[in-house]
Amino acid sequence: MRILHSYCLNFNIGDYYLGIGVKNLFRDNVTVDYFGDTNLQGRVFDEYYIKEVVNKRYDLLVIGGGGIIHGAHWPNGWFWIINKNLIKEIKIPFIIYGVGYNYFEGEKGIPARGIEHLKETMKYATYFSVRNDGSAKRLLDQTGIVAPVIPDPGFHVDLNCDYDNPEKEVFVVIQLANDKPEHRFYGQGAKQFVIEMRGVIETLTKKYKVILAPHVPDDVSLSHEVVAGIDNADVWDFGYYAFDHSAESLGYYQHAKFVLAMRGHGQIVPICFNTPVIMLENHPKHRGLMVELDLLEYNVKVNQPNLGKQIRQLIEKLELDYENLVLKYNDINRLLKVQSKESILNIKRVTQVVLQSNA
């Protein structure tokens, strides 16, 4: 099968992770001739591109995953740039795979034109699904659209893959987010957050090396700010990993003792490696996933009073129950792999039916 994969490229290391997960899943369950990549955030699916590239050179178009139901300022109220009237011109099967409803609490949500475009997309899609972070409920509440739920493809970056350990000593990863700070810090700014996190890092560095893991350019300055002048703490080389070496950075999440994360894929990816996570909640999807996986006890909102104290208490709790927690993660991942395999095999079946009817 010739597959065109359209997802978000050139901004977020985490989006590259989910691209790896999608490809791992398909290659493990479907005979793949080749994968083509195109950037969902920039590629215009115009009449020429649909006719001469999508329809002629591929058997399946995969859109997602990622938090692509977002962006009220985008032409269609979400990231897919295609005229609503051209969707029906895609003659090969196309699927929307494990995408996220990604509007922040402080945003107004998807505009009316976005709801109309999503409904038209669902009308012609061979398969449409959202990821397991509460997106289904948020989408339903905002649009009335009912969508099936599957595991985020980022949970499968480990499938048939192993990544080198980048460190010689025991280390902890902290992944902070600093884009859209007015939403991530609930309008309070990052000043107090930095103070609290520096205290946490100073505590951690007594036992572990601490690695800060920025995923987007806006994260880099905040990551350096929280470790400035603290021994045994460092920021990974964003300029190297972004974005052509993103896969190499996965070794940090695979081999870390545990992770503190502010981003969805800073949360998802370590879980797939059975690496425990403390979630620093700043978006509804973070809590949504922890509820889904029965891990909410390791979730704390970044605007909570005495944040540093709460994080240190969660670290102590995690360390005391570490072995049991890893076993729980192992059980979680076994179930997620079964669910994802079922979704891919279902896609394979329905895609073959469409291709046969088009022959």
Protein backbone atom coordinates (compact mmCIF):
# COMPACT_ATOMS: atom_id res chain seq x y z
CA MET A 1 0.00 0.00 0.00
CA ARG A 2 1.24 3.48 -0.93
CA ILE A 3 0.46 5.82 1.95
CA LEU A 4 0.55 9.61 2.06
CA HIS A 5 0.87 10.83 5.64
CA SER A 6 -0.15 14.42 6.37
CA TYR A 7 0.63 15.71 9.86
CA CYS A 8 2.25 18.70 11.54
CA LEU A 9 5.92 19.18 10.62
CA ASN A 10 8.63 21.78 11.20
CA PHE A 11 7.55 23.16 14.58
CA ASN A 12 7.16 20.56 17.35
CA ILE A 13 9.40 17.58 18.12
CA GLY A 14 6.39 15.84 19.66
CA ASP A 15 4.56 15.88 16.32
CA TYR A 16 7.48 13.99 14.80
CA TYR A 17 7.09 11.39 17.54
CA LEU A 18 3.47 10.71 16.61
CA GLY A 19 4.55 10.42 12.97
CA ILE A 20 6.91 7.64 14.00
CA GLY A 21 4.07 5.98 15.93
CA VAL A 22 1.70 6.07 12.95
CA LYS A 23 4.29 4.54 10.65
CA ASN A 24 5.24 1.87 13.18
CA LEU A 25 1.59 0.81 13.50
CA PHE A 26 0.97 0.60 9.76
CA ARG A 27 4.22 -1.19 8.98
CA ASP A 28 3.47 -3.72 11.71
CA ASN A 29 -0.01 -4.53 10.37
CA VAL A 30 -0.17 -3.57 6.69
CA THR A 31 2.04 -4.27 3.67
CA VAL A 32 3.51 -0.83 2.99
CA ASP A 33 5.12 -0.03 -0.37
CA TYR A 34 6.18 3.39 0.81
CA PHE A 35 5.22 6.37 2.97
CA GLY A 36 5.16 9.93 1.68
CA ASP A 37 5.07 12.86 4.12
CA THR A 38 3.46 16.25 3.70
CA ASN A 39 3.06 19.06 6.22
CA LEU A 40 -0.57 19.49 7.24
CA GLN A 41 0.24 23.01 8.49
CA GLY A 42 1.07 24.49 5.11
CA ARG A 43 0.11 22.06 2.39
CA VAL A 44 -2.91 23.32 0.48
CA PHE A 45 -4.95 20.42 -0.85
CA ASP A 46 -5.99 22.22 -4.02
CA GLU A 47 -7.52 20.69 -7.14
CA TYR A 48 -4.15 20.05 -8.80
CA TYR A 49 -2.54 18.45 -5.74
CA ILE A 50 -5.56 16.19 -5.18
CA LYS A 51 -5.75 15.09 -8.81
CA GLU A 52 -2.07 14.75 -9.68
CA VAL A 53 -0.54 13.65 -6.38
CA VAL A 54 -3.08 12.26 -3.92
CA ASN A 55 -5.29 10.36 -6.36
CA LYS A 56 -2.57 9.22 -8.78
CA ARG A 57 0.36 8.29 -6.55
CA TYR A 58 -1.20 6.89 -3.37
CA ASP A 59 -3.68 4.28 -2.17
CA LEU A 60 -4.41 5.81 1.24
CA LEU A 61 -4.25 9.30 2.77
CA VAL A 62 -3.65 9.37 6.54
CA ILE A 63 -4.25 12.69 8.31
CA GLY A 64 -3.01 12.93 11.92
CA GLY A 65 -2.64 12.32 14.73
CA GLY A 66 -1.86 15.42 16.73
CA GLY A 67 -3.98 18.21 18.16
CA ILE A 68 -5.12 19.35 14.74
CA ILE A 69 -8.68 20.33 15.70
CA HIS A 70 -7.44 23.73 16.75
CA GLY A 71 -6.85 27.19 15.30
CA ALA A 72 -9.93 29.37 14.90
CA HIS A 73 -7.85 31.71 12.71
CA TRP A 74 -7.10 28.92 10.22
CA PRO A 75 -9.17 28.98 7.00
CA ASN A 76 -11.33 26.03 8.04
CA GLY A 77 -11.20 26.37 11.84
CA TRP A 78 -8.79 23.43 12.08
CA PHE A 79 -5.51 22.54 10.42
CA TRP A 80 -6.60 20.79 7.19
CA ILE A 81 -6.33 23.34 4.36
CA ILE A 82 -8.80 22.09 1.76
CA ASN A 83 -11.83 23.78 0.31
CA LYS A 84 -14.90 22.06 1.72
CA ASN A 85 -16.19 21.44 -1.81
CA LEU A 86 -12.99 19.64 -2.82
CA ILE A 87 -13.09 16.97 -0.11
CA LYS A 88 -15.31 14.77 -2.28
CA GLU A 89 -12.70 14.95 -5.06
CA ILE A 90 -10.33 12.73 -3.07
CA LYS A 91 -10.90 9.41 -4.81
CA ILE A 92 -8.69 7.21 -2.64
CA PRO A 93 -9.64 6.22 0.93
CA PHE A 94 -8.63 8.83 3.49
CA ILE A 95 -8.66 8.59 7.27
CA ILE A 96 -8.40 11.02 10.17
CA TYR A 97 -6.37 9.08 12.74
CA GLY A 98 -6.34 9.68 16.50
CA VAL A 99 -6.53 13.48 16.37
CA GLY A 100 -7.00 15.81 19.32
CA TYR A 101 -9.52 18.54 20.06
CA ASN A 102 -6.83 20.97 21.14
CA TYR A 103 -8.51 24.24 22.10
CA PHE A 104 -7.46 25.63 25.50
CA GLU A 105 -9.98 26.38 28.23
CA GLY A 106 -9.51 30.11 27.67
CA GLU A 107 -10.19 29.91 23.94
CA LYS A 108 -13.67 30.15 22.45
CA GLY A 109 -13.49 26.78 20.71
CA ILE A 110 -13.95 25.77 17.11
CA PRO A 111 -15.91 28.28 14.99
CA ALA A 112 -19.07 27.41 13.04
CA ARG A 113 -17.17 27.08 9.75
CA GLY A 114 -14.87 24.55 11.44
CA ILE A 115 -17.81 22.45 12.59
CA GLU A 116 -19.24 22.47 9.06
CA HIS A 117 -15.86 21.50 7.60
CA LEU A 118 -15.40 18.68 10.11
CA LYS A 119 -18.84 17.28 9.30
CA GLU A 120 -18.06 17.37 5.58
CA THR A 121 -14.75 15.63 6.28
CA MET A 122 -16.51 12.90 8.25
CA LYS A 123 -19.05 12.48 5.43
CA TYR A 124 -16.34 11.41 2.99
CA ALA A 125 -13.67 9.94 5.30
CA THR A 126 -13.27 6.18 5.31
CA TYR A 127 -12.40 6.38 9.01
CA PHE A 128 -12.43 9.18 11.59
CA SER A 129 -11.18 8.93 15.18
CA VAL A 130 -9.94 11.06 18.05
CA ARG A 131 -7.26 10.34 20.62
CA ASN A 132 -7.80 9.07 24.15
CA ASP A 133 -7.33 12.33 26.06
CA GLY A 134 -10.93 13.42 26.53
CA SER A 135 -11.10 14.86 23.00
CA ALA A 136 -14.28 12.89 22.26
CA LYS A 137 -16.21 14.64 25.03
CA ARG A 138 -14.81 18.08 24.24
CA LEU A 139 -15.63 17.60 20.55
CA LEU A 140 -19.13 16.38 21.37
CA ASP A 141 -19.79 19.27 23.76
CA GLN A 142 -18.58 21.86 21.24
CA THR A 143 -19.93 20.42 17.99
CA GLY A 144 -22.40 17.61 18.63
CA ILE A 145 -20.06 15.29 16.68
CA VAL A 146 -19.69 11.75 18.02
CA ALA A 147 -16.25 10.28 17.27
CA PRO A 148 -14.69 6.93 18.16
CA VAL A 149 -11.66 6.97 20.46
CA ILE A 150 -8.32 5.27 19.87
CA PRO A 151 -4.92 5.53 21.58
CA ASP A 152 -2.77 8.45 20.49
CA PRO A 153 -0.25 7.09 17.93
CA GLY A 154 2.55 8.55 20.07
CA PHE A 155 2.03 5.55 22.35
CA HIS A 156 3.69 3.40 19.68
CA VAL A 157 7.06 5.03 19.04
CA ASP A 158 8.45 1.98 20.84
CA LEU A 159 6.91 -0.58 18.44
CA ASN A 160 9.76 -2.66 16.99
CA CYS A 161 12.13 0.14 18.02
CA ASP A 162 14.82 0.67 20.63
CA TYR A 163 16.63 3.94 21.29
CA ASP A 164 20.11 4.55 22.67
CA ASN A 165 20.57 5.84 26.21
CA PRO A 166 22.09 9.34 25.81
CA GLU A 167 23.34 9.57 29.41
CA LYS A 168 25.77 7.53 31.53
CA GLU A 169 24.19 8.41 34.87
CA VAL A 170 20.65 8.14 36.22
CA PHE A 171 18.61 11.07 34.99
CA VAL A 172 15.18 12.66 35.08
CA VAL A 173 13.58 14.52 32.17
CA ILE A 174 11.60 17.73 32.65
CA GLN A 175 9.62 18.88 29.63
CA LEU A 176 8.27 22.45 29.92
CA ALA A 177 5.98 24.33 27.52
CA ASN A 178 6.11 28.07 26.84
CA ASP A 179 4.11 28.71 23.69
CA LYS A 180 0.74 30.38 24.34
CA PRO A 181 1.86 31.28 27.90
CA GLU A 182 -1.32 33.28 28.51
CA HIS A 183 -3.21 29.97 28.40
CA ARG A 184 -0.60 27.57 29.80
CA PHE A 185 -0.12 29.64 32.96
CA TYR A 186 -3.80 30.58 33.28
CA GLY A 187 -3.11 34.28 32.83
CA GLN A 188 -0.76 34.39 35.82
CA GLY A 189 2.51 34.54 33.90
CA ALA A 190 5.47 32.22 34.35
CA LYS A 191 7.40 34.12 37.06
CA GLN A 192 6.13 32.15 40.06
CA PHE A 193 6.21 28.92 38.06
CA VAL A 194 9.93 29.43 37.39
CA ILE A 195 10.61 30.00 41.09
CA GLU A 196 8.72 26.83 42.02
CA MET A 197 10.39 24.70 39.34
CA ARG A 198 13.88 25.88 40.25
CA GLY A 199 13.23 24.64 43.78
CA VAL A 200 12.10 21.27 42.43
CA ILE A 201 15.16 21.00 40.19
CA GLU A 202 17.53 21.88 43.04
CA THR A 203 15.98 19.02 45.03
CA LEU A 204 16.16 16.56 42.15
CA THR A 205 19.79 17.29 41.30
CA LYS A 206 20.86 15.95 44.68
CA LYS A 207 19.92 12.45 43.44
CA TYR A 208 19.66 12.64 39.65
CA LYS A 209 20.98 14.46 36.66
CA VAL A 210 18.16 16.64 35.31
CA ILE A 211 17.62 17.09 31.57
CA LEU A 212 15.27 19.79 30.25
CA ALA A 213 13.57 18.75 27.01
CA PRO A 214 12.16 21.65 24.96
CA HIS A 215 9.89 20.49 22.11
CA VAL A 216 9.26 23.81 20.32
CA PRO A 217 11.38 26.96 19.94
CA ASP A 218 9.37 28.86 22.57
CA ASP A 219 10.25 26.21 25.17
CA VAL A 220 14.00 26.77 24.91
CA SER A 221 14.29 30.05 26.84
CA LEU A 222 12.08 28.81 29.70
CA SER A 223 14.10 25.60 29.92
CA HIS A 224 17.36 27.52 30.24
CA GLU A 225 15.83 29.93 32.76
CA VAL A 226 14.80 27.22 35.21
CA VAL A 227 18.24 25.53 35.24
CA ALA A 228 20.47 28.60 35.10
CA GLY A 229 23.27 28.27 37.67
CA ILE A 230 22.09 24.88 38.96
CA ASP A 231 24.73 22.13 38.90
CA ASN A 232 23.88 18.72 37.45
CA ALA A 233 21.10 20.14 35.26
CA ASP A 234 21.20 20.79 31.53
CA VAL A 235 19.04 21.48 28.47
CA TRP A 236 19.15 19.04 25.59
CA ASP A 237 20.45 20.33 22.27
CA PHE A 238 17.23 21.53 20.68
CA GLY A 239 19.07 22.78 17.61
CA TYR A 240 20.31 19.25 16.93
CA TYR A 241 17.07 17.36 17.53
CA ALA A 242 14.80 19.90 15.80
CA PHE A 243 13.63 18.50 13.65
CA ASP A 244 15.64 16.15 11.47
CA HIS A 245 16.99 14.18 14.46
CA SER A 246 13.79 14.06 16.52
CA ALA A 247 13.83 10.26 16.71
CA GLU A 248 17.22 10.29 18.45
CA SER A 249 15.78 12.27 21.36
CA LEU A 250 13.39 9.42 22.19
CA GLY A 251 16.21 7.74 24.10
CA TYR A 252 15.76 10.34 26.82
CA TYR A 253 12.15 9.29 27.39
CA GLN A 254 12.91 5.57 27.13
CA HIS A 255 15.78 5.61 29.64
CA ALA A 256 14.77 8.36 32.10
CA LYS A 257 14.00 7.35 35.68
CA PHE A 258 10.82 9.41 35.42
CA VAL A 259 9.48 12.49 33.63
CA LEU A 260 7.82 15.76 34.61
CA ALA A 261 5.90 17.05 31.59
CA MET A 262 3.85 20.01 30.45
CA ARG A 263 3.08 18.81 26.91
CA GLY A 264 0.87 15.99 25.69
CA HIS A 265 3.69 14.14 23.96
CA GLY A 266 6.00 14.76 26.90
CA GLN A 267 3.30 12.83 28.76
CA ILE A 268 2.39 10.15 26.20
CA VAL A 269 5.82 9.07 24.96
CA PRO A 270 7.41 8.16 28.32
CA ILE A 271 4.28 6.23 29.28
CA CYS A 272 4.74 4.00 26.23
CA PHE A 273 8.23 3.14 27.52
CA ASN A 274 6.85 2.38 31.03
CA THR A 275 8.63 5.50 32.27
CA PRO A 276 6.52 7.08 35.05
CA VAL A 277 5.20 10.60 34.48
CA ILE A 278 4.13 13.45 36.71
CA MET A 279 1.86 15.65 34.60
CA LEU A 280 2.04 19.41 35.04
CA GLU A 281 -1.46 20.10 33.77
CA ASN A 282 -2.02 23.22 31.68
CA HIS A 283 -4.60 21.99 29.13
CA PRO A 284 -7.76 19.86 29.45
CA LYS A 285 -6.15 17.06 27.42
CA HIS A 286 -3.53 16.45 30.12
CA ARG A 287 -6.08 15.66 32.81
CA GLY A 288 -8.20 13.83 30.23
CA LEU A 289 -5.45 11.35 29.48
CA MET A 290 -4.54 10.80 33.13
CA VAL A 291 -8.21 10.08 33.88
CA GLU A 292 -8.40 7.71 30.90
CA LEU A 293 -5.35 5.75 32.10
CA ASP A 294 -6.24 5.88 35.82
CA LEU A 295 -3.13 7.94 36.61
CA LEU A 296 -4.80 11.12 37.88
CA GLU A 297 -3.04 10.88 41.26
CA TYR A 298 0.14 11.92 39.41
CA ASN A 299 -1.40 15.07 37.93
CA VAL A 300 -1.08 18.64 39.26
CA LYS A 301 -2.22 21.90 37.69
CA VAL A 302 0.54 24.45 37.16
CA ASN A 303 -1.48 27.24 38.79
CA GLN A 304 -1.90 25.42 42.10
CA PRO A 305 -0.63 27.20 45.24
CA ASN A 306 2.64 25.79 46.58
CA LEU A 307 3.24 24.03 43.26
CA GLY A 308 6.83 23.11 44.10
CA LYS A 309 5.79 21.46 47.36
CA GLN A 310 3.07 19.47 45.60
CA ILE A 311 5.47 18.29 42.91
CA ARG A 312 8.06 17.21 45.49
CA GLN A 313 5.36 15.23 47.32
CA LEU A 314 4.40 13.50 44.06
CA ILE A 315 8.06 12.69 43.38
CA GLU A 316 8.38 11.07 46.82
CA LYS A 317 5.17 9.11 46.21
CA LEU A 318 6.40 7.97 42.80
CA GLU A 319 9.77 6.86 44.17
CA LEU A 320 8.13 4.85 46.96
CA ASP A 321 5.75 3.05 44.59
CA TYR A 322 8.07 2.94 41.59
CA GLU A 323 8.04 -0.80 40.87
CA ASN A 324 4.27 -1.12 41.18
CA LEU A 325 3.82 1.92 38.98
CA VAL A 326 6.00 0.44 36.23
CA LEU A 327 3.95 -2.77 36.37
CA LYS A 328 0.77 -0.69 36.04
CA TYR A 329 2.21 1.10 33.02
CA ASN A 330 3.05 -2.26 31.49
CA ASP A 331 -0.59 -3.34 31.81
CA ILE A 332 -1.76 -0.03 30.36
CA ASN A 333 0.49 -0.41 27.34
CA ARG A 334 -0.60 -3.97 26.64
CA LEU A 335 -4.20 -2.76 26.39
CA LEU A 336 -3.30 0.27 24.27
CA LYS A 337 -1.42 -1.93 21.80
CA VAL A 338 -4.43 -4.24 21.44
CA GLN A 339 -6.74 -1.27 20.87
CA SER A 340 -4.44 0.30 18.27
CA LYS A 341 -3.95 -2.97 16.43
CA GLU A 342 -7.72 -3.39 16.21
CA SER A 343 -8.08 0.12 14.78
CA ILE A 344 -5.40 -0.46 12.11
CA LEU A 345 -6.86 -3.82 11.10
CA ASN A 346 -10.29 -2.18 10.85
CA ILE A 347 -8.80 0.54 8.64
CA LYS A 348 -7.16 -2.14 6.51
CA ARG A 349 -10.50 -3.89 6.00
CA VAL A 350 -12.53 -0.82 5.11
CA THR A 351 -9.75 0.58 2.91
CA GLN A 352 -9.57 -2.63 0.89
CA VAL A 353 -13.33 -2.51 0.35
CA VAL A 354 -13.11 1.05 -0.98
CA LEU A 355 -10.13 0.30 -3.21
CA GLN A 356 -11.86 -2.77 -4.65
CA SER A 357 -15.04 -0.80 -5.37
CA ASN A 358 -12.96 1.89 -7.12
CA ALA A 359 -11.08 -0.64 -9.27
